[in-house]
């Protein structure tokens, strides 16, 4: 599973390993990311001879962990590592922004999407634009995430959480809800 690249980046950063390994891993993962065309920014779910880029959820899984790395470890990285990470994230935001057809009832993917937008909008460098040519401000990215959160809150208030009652899906949902910054009051 290619999202494990960011698991490694988080663990290596937490353990204080040399930054060469972190930079190498970011570059390796970025080499699998689509850098042009209709799948710009997408990543495959698995490392394979012929990677599959059709599943839009893959970027959600990658960015879920990339956001943790951004918040916890990015400030301590060198400018070279930050530049490689930013390039991956810039293209990833393009894919994330275009992955806007997730039903709120598909709660685990929807909350991953919501968390990604909020975290990226709140923690990325606000002095530049993002999204590989979309020229998105961090404010616009976060606002879209908070809109998703309002939608999910309203749906949950009226119908409850009902997606599959699965330990796998509810785990992803809970993880993402738990990560959302609590420094903003959500007005519904």
Protein backbone atom coordinates (compact mmCIF):
# COMPACT_ATOMS: atom_id res chain seq x y z
CA UNK A 1 0.00 0.00 0.00
CA UNK A 2 1.67 3.23 -1.12
CA UNK A 3 0.19 5.26 1.75
CA UNK A 4 2.72 3.44 3.95
CA UNK A 5 5.37 5.72 2.49
CA UNK A 6 3.99 8.46 4.73
CA UNK A 7 3.82 6.03 7.66
CA UNK A 8 7.56 5.63 7.21
CA UNK A 9 8.11 9.38 6.87
CA UNK A 10 6.21 9.99 10.12
CA UNK A 11 8.04 7.23 11.99
CA UNK A 12 11.46 8.26 10.68
CA UNK A 13 10.79 11.87 11.60
CA UNK A 14 9.59 10.90 15.08
CA UNK A 15 12.64 8.72 15.63
CA UNK A 16 14.99 11.48 14.55
CA UNK A 17 16.49 9.49 11.68
CA UNK A 18 18.67 11.25 9.17
CA UNK A 19 16.74 13.44 6.85
CA UNK A 20 18.25 11.75 3.79
CA UNK A 21 15.87 8.79 4.27
CA UNK A 22 12.86 11.07 4.63
CA UNK A 23 13.77 13.06 1.53
CA UNK A 24 14.47 9.88 -0.45
CA UNK A 25 11.07 8.46 0.56
CA UNK A 26 9.18 11.62 -0.37
CA UNK A 27 10.92 11.66 -3.75
CA UNK A 28 10.26 7.95 -4.29
CA UNK A 29 6.55 8.37 -3.56
CA UNK A 30 6.41 11.52 -5.70
CA UNK A 31 7.91 9.55 -8.59
CA UNK A 32 4.75 7.41 -8.56
CA UNK A 33 2.45 10.45 -8.58
CA UNK A 34 0.87 11.51 -11.87
CA UNK A 35 2.49 14.77 -12.91
CA UNK A 36 0.22 15.65 -15.84
CA UNK A 37 -2.98 14.77 -17.63
CA UNK A 38 -6.45 13.98 -16.32
CA UNK A 39 -5.05 12.04 -13.35
CA UNK A 40 -2.72 14.85 -12.23
CA UNK A 41 -1.78 14.43 -8.58
CA UNK A 42 -3.19 10.94 -8.15
CA UNK A 43 -1.17 8.09 -6.70
CA UNK A 44 -1.60 4.35 -7.12
CA UNK A 45 -2.81 2.29 -4.18
CA UNK A 46 -0.17 -0.38 -4.70
CA UNK A 47 3.36 -0.46 -6.04
CA UNK A 48 3.10 -2.40 -9.30
CA UNK A 49 4.70 -2.73 -12.71
CA UNK A 50 1.54 -1.14 -14.18
CA UNK A 51 0.15 1.14 -11.47
CA UNK A 52 -3.58 1.87 -11.41
CA UNK A 53 -4.46 5.56 -11.02
CA UNK A 54 -8.22 5.26 -11.48
CA UNK A 55 -9.22 5.18 -7.81
CA UNK A 56 -9.61 8.75 -6.61
CA UNK A 57 -9.63 7.64 -2.96
CA UNK A 58 -5.91 6.81 -3.09
CA UNK A 59 -4.87 10.45 -2.81
CA UNK A 60 -7.14 10.77 0.23
CA UNK A 61 -5.27 7.96 2.03
CA UNK A 62 -1.90 9.48 1.09
CA UNK A 63 -2.84 12.99 2.18
CA UNK A 64 -4.40 11.80 5.45
CA UNK A 65 -0.93 10.77 6.64
CA UNK A 66 0.87 13.58 4.80
CA UNK A 67 -1.19 16.04 6.85
CA UNK A 68 0.10 14.47 10.07
CA UNK A 69 3.67 14.82 8.76
CA UNK A 70 2.95 18.42 7.77
CA UNK A 71 1.65 19.35 11.21
CA UNK A 72 4.11 17.42 13.34
CA UNK A 73 7.42 17.36 11.44
CA UNK A 74 7.47 19.76 8.49
CA UNK A 75 8.78 22.70 10.54
CA UNK A 76 11.93 20.74 11.43
CA UNK A 77 12.75 19.62 7.87
CA UNK A 78 15.38 21.20 5.64
CA UNK A 79 14.33 23.47 2.79
CA UNK A 80 15.16 20.69 0.31
CA UNK A 81 12.83 18.23 2.05
CA UNK A 82 10.12 20.87 2.38
CA UNK A 83 10.40 21.63 -1.34
CA UNK A 84 9.97 17.95 -2.28
CA UNK A 85 7.03 17.60 0.12
CA UNK A 86 5.40 20.81 -1.15
CA UNK A 87 5.66 19.62 -4.74
CA UNK A 88 3.92 16.34 -3.84
CA UNK A 89 1.24 18.19 -1.87
CA UNK A 90 0.70 20.79 -4.61
CA UNK A 91 -0.18 18.10 -7.13
CA UNK A 92 -2.07 16.13 -4.49
CA UNK A 93 -4.31 19.14 -3.82
CA UNK A 94 -5.16 19.25 -7.52
CA UNK A 95 -6.42 15.65 -7.31
CA UNK A 96 -8.10 16.30 -3.96
CA UNK A 97 -9.91 19.37 -5.26
CA UNK A 98 -11.27 17.43 -8.24
CA UNK A 99 -12.37 14.53 -6.02
CA UNK A 100 -15.54 16.33 -5.06
CA UNK A 101 -18.12 13.68 -5.84
CA UNK A 102 -17.90 11.77 -2.54
CA UNK A 103 -21.30 11.27 -0.92
CA UNK A 104 -21.36 12.27 2.76
CA UNK A 105 -22.96 8.89 3.45
CA UNK A 106 -19.68 7.32 2.32
CA UNK A 107 -18.50 8.54 5.67
CA UNK A 108 -14.93 7.24 5.89
CA UNK A 109 -13.85 8.64 2.51
CA UNK A 110 -15.87 11.81 3.05
CA UNK A 111 -14.24 12.50 6.42
CA UNK A 112 -10.78 11.74 5.04
CA UNK A 113 -11.50 14.30 2.32
CA UNK A 114 -12.80 16.76 4.94
CA UNK A 115 -9.76 16.28 7.20
CA UNK A 116 -7.36 16.67 4.29
CA UNK A 117 -8.92 19.94 3.16
CA UNK A 118 -9.05 21.39 6.67
CA UNK A 119 -5.53 20.33 7.65
CA UNK A 120 -3.95 21.47 4.40
CA UNK A 121 -5.84 24.75 4.50
CA UNK A 122 -4.90 25.39 8.12
CA UNK A 123 -1.25 24.30 8.06
CA UNK A 124 0.21 24.92 4.59
CA UNK A 125 2.15 28.07 3.79
CA UNK A 126 -0.48 30.76 3.24
CA UNK A 127 1.92 33.06 1.36
CA UNK A 128 1.58 31.02 -1.83
CA UNK A 129 -1.16 29.31 -3.81
CA UNK A 130 -1.72 25.57 -4.15
CA UNK A 131 -3.24 23.00 -6.45
CA UNK A 132 -0.82 22.72 -9.39
CA UNK A 133 -2.20 25.67 -11.35
CA UNK A 134 -5.57 25.97 -9.59
CA UNK A 135 -4.15 28.91 -7.60
CA UNK A 136 -6.04 28.01 -4.45
CA UNK A 137 -5.45 29.97 -1.28
CA UNK A 138 -5.10 28.09 1.97
CA UNK A 139 -8.21 29.96 3.11
CA UNK A 140 -10.23 28.52 0.18
CA UNK A 141 -8.91 25.02 0.86
CA UNK A 142 -9.84 25.17 4.55
CA UNK A 143 -13.24 26.75 3.78
CA UNK A 144 -14.14 23.87 1.49
CA UNK A 145 -13.16 21.45 4.26
CA UNK A 146 -15.29 23.25 6.82
CA UNK A 147 -18.21 23.23 4.35
CA UNK A 148 -17.79 19.45 4.10
CA UNK A 149 -17.72 19.20 7.89
CA UNK A 150 -20.98 21.19 8.16
CA UNK A 151 -22.59 18.91 5.60
CA UNK A 152 -21.45 15.81 7.48
CA UNK A 153 -22.57 17.25 10.82
CA UNK A 154 -26.04 18.05 9.47
CA UNK A 155 -26.38 14.61 7.89
CA UNK A 156 -25.24 12.85 11.05
CA UNK A 157 -27.56 14.96 13.21
CA UNK A 158 -30.53 13.86 11.12
CA UNK A 159 -29.67 10.25 10.26
CA UNK A 160 -26.75 9.13 12.43
CA UNK A 161 -23.67 7.33 11.17
CA UNK A 162 -24.79 4.38 9.13
CA UNK A 163 -22.06 3.35 6.71
CA UNK A 164 -21.75 -0.43 6.84
CA UNK A 165 -21.23 -0.52 10.63
CA UNK A 166 -17.76 -1.72 9.75
CA UNK A 167 -14.79 -1.71 12.16
CA UNK A 168 -12.56 -0.74 9.23
CA UNK A 169 -14.65 2.16 8.00
CA UNK A 170 -15.58 3.52 11.41
CA UNK A 171 -11.88 3.46 12.34
CA UNK A 172 -10.96 5.69 9.39
CA UNK A 173 -13.91 7.96 10.14
CA UNK A 174 -13.03 8.26 13.83
CA UNK A 175 -9.34 8.85 13.10
CA UNK A 176 -10.12 11.73 10.77
CA UNK A 177 -12.74 13.31 13.03
CA UNK A 178 -10.26 13.13 15.91
CA UNK A 179 -7.58 14.94 13.88
CA UNK A 180 -9.69 17.95 12.88
CA UNK A 181 -8.45 21.06 14.67
CA UNK A 182 -10.69 22.13 17.52
CA UNK A 183 -9.64 25.74 17.39
CA UNK A 184 -12.62 26.67 15.21
CA UNK A 185 -16.24 26.75 16.26
CA UNK A 186 -18.44 25.15 13.65
CA UNK A 187 -21.57 27.16 13.02
CA UNK A 188 -24.30 25.06 11.44
